[in-house]
């Protein structure tokens, strides 16, 4: 009797572990996607900055640059 309960409990724990492993894999995939988004925005900001060279940045490029860099900073802060 006790042995049967232990076996049933172990099977339930194994099933839950599988569920958690699937959830973890899904979260890792989402985390990777968010990280790639941050990299893309960082690349866009770098492209804007490089386009201006030594000249002071202005106009809409300045606003876009700051917006991209702010998004990247916030994403990276959340990701740790």
Protein backbone atom coordinates (compact mmCIF):
# COMPACT_ATOMS: atom_id res chain seq x y z
CA UNK A 1 0.00 0.00 0.00
CA UNK A 2 2.62 2.53 1.05
CA UNK A 3 4.82 1.40 -1.82
CA UNK A 4 1.98 1.96 -4.29
CA UNK A 5 1.47 5.50 -2.97
CA UNK A 6 5.19 6.27 -3.24
CA UNK A 7 5.22 5.01 -6.83
CA UNK A 8 2.15 7.11 -7.70
CA UNK A 9 3.69 10.19 -6.06
CA UNK A 10 6.95 9.68 -7.94
CA UNK A 11 5.11 9.35 -11.24
CA UNK A 12 3.22 12.57 -10.53
CA UNK A 13 6.49 14.33 -9.69
CA UNK A 14 8.11 13.05 -12.88
CA UNK A 15 5.16 14.29 -14.94
CA UNK A 16 5.30 17.71 -13.25
CA UNK A 17 9.04 17.87 -13.85
CA UNK A 18 8.45 17.28 -17.57
CA UNK A 19 5.88 20.08 -17.62
CA UNK A 20 8.31 22.43 -15.89
CA UNK A 21 11.08 21.50 -18.32
CA UNK A 22 8.79 22.40 -21.23
CA UNK A 23 7.87 25.71 -19.59
CA UNK A 24 11.55 26.45 -18.99
CA UNK A 25 12.42 25.73 -22.63
CA UNK A 26 9.64 28.06 -23.75
CA UNK A 27 10.83 30.84 -21.42
CA UNK A 28 14.42 30.42 -22.61
CA UNK A 29 13.26 30.76 -26.21
CA UNK A 30 11.33 33.93 -25.37
CA UNK A 31 14.32 35.32 -23.49
CA UNK A 32 16.53 34.67 -26.50
CA UNK A 33 14.04 36.43 -28.77
CA UNK A 34 13.94 39.49 -26.51
CA UNK A 35 17.73 39.55 -26.39
CA UNK A 36 17.87 39.49 -30.20
CA UNK A 37 15.42 42.40 -30.32
CA UNK A 38 17.70 44.40 -28.01
CA UNK A 39 20.66 43.59 -30.24
CA UNK A 40 18.72 44.74 -33.31
CA UNK A 41 17.84 48.09 -31.72
CA UNK A 42 21.42 48.54 -30.57
CA UNK A 43 22.59 47.92 -34.15
CA UNK A 44 20.10 50.49 -35.45
CA UNK A 45 21.33 53.05 -32.92
CA UNK A 46 24.93 52.33 -33.90
CA UNK A 47 24.09 52.78 -37.59
CA UNK A 48 22.52 56.17 -36.88
CA UNK A 49 25.54 57.23 -34.83
CA UNK A 50 28.00 56.08 -37.48
CA UNK A 51 26.06 57.96 -40.15
CA UNK A 52 26.75 61.25 -38.42
CA UNK A 53 30.46 60.61 -38.03
CA UNK A 54 32.14 63.54 -36.23
CA UNK A 55 29.22 65.93 -36.80
CA UNK A 56 26.79 66.69 -33.99
CA UNK A 57 23.67 64.57 -34.35
CA UNK A 58 20.39 66.37 -34.81
CA UNK A 59 16.85 66.18 -36.07
CA UNK A 60 14.83 63.01 -35.98
CA UNK A 61 18.00 60.90 -35.92
CA UNK A 62 18.83 62.25 -32.47
CA UNK A 63 15.39 61.31 -31.16
CA UNK A 64 15.49 57.88 -32.78
CA UNK A 65 19.00 57.23 -31.47
CA UNK A 66 18.00 58.06 -27.90
CA UNK A 67 14.79 56.02 -28.16
CA UNK A 68 16.65 52.96 -29.45
CA UNK A 69 19.34 53.24 -26.80
CA UNK A 70 16.74 53.69 -24.05
CA UNK A 71 14.86 50.57 -25.21
CA UNK A 72 18.07 48.57 -25.31
CA UNK A 73 19.02 49.75 -21.82
CA UNK A 74 15.63 48.85 -20.39
CA UNK A 75 15.60 45.42 -22.02
CA UNK A 76 19.12 44.62 -20.85
CA UNK A 77 18.29 45.81 -17.33
CA UNK A 78 15.34 43.41 -17.18
CA UNK A 79 17.40 40.56 -18.63
CA UNK A 80 20.12 41.13 -16.06
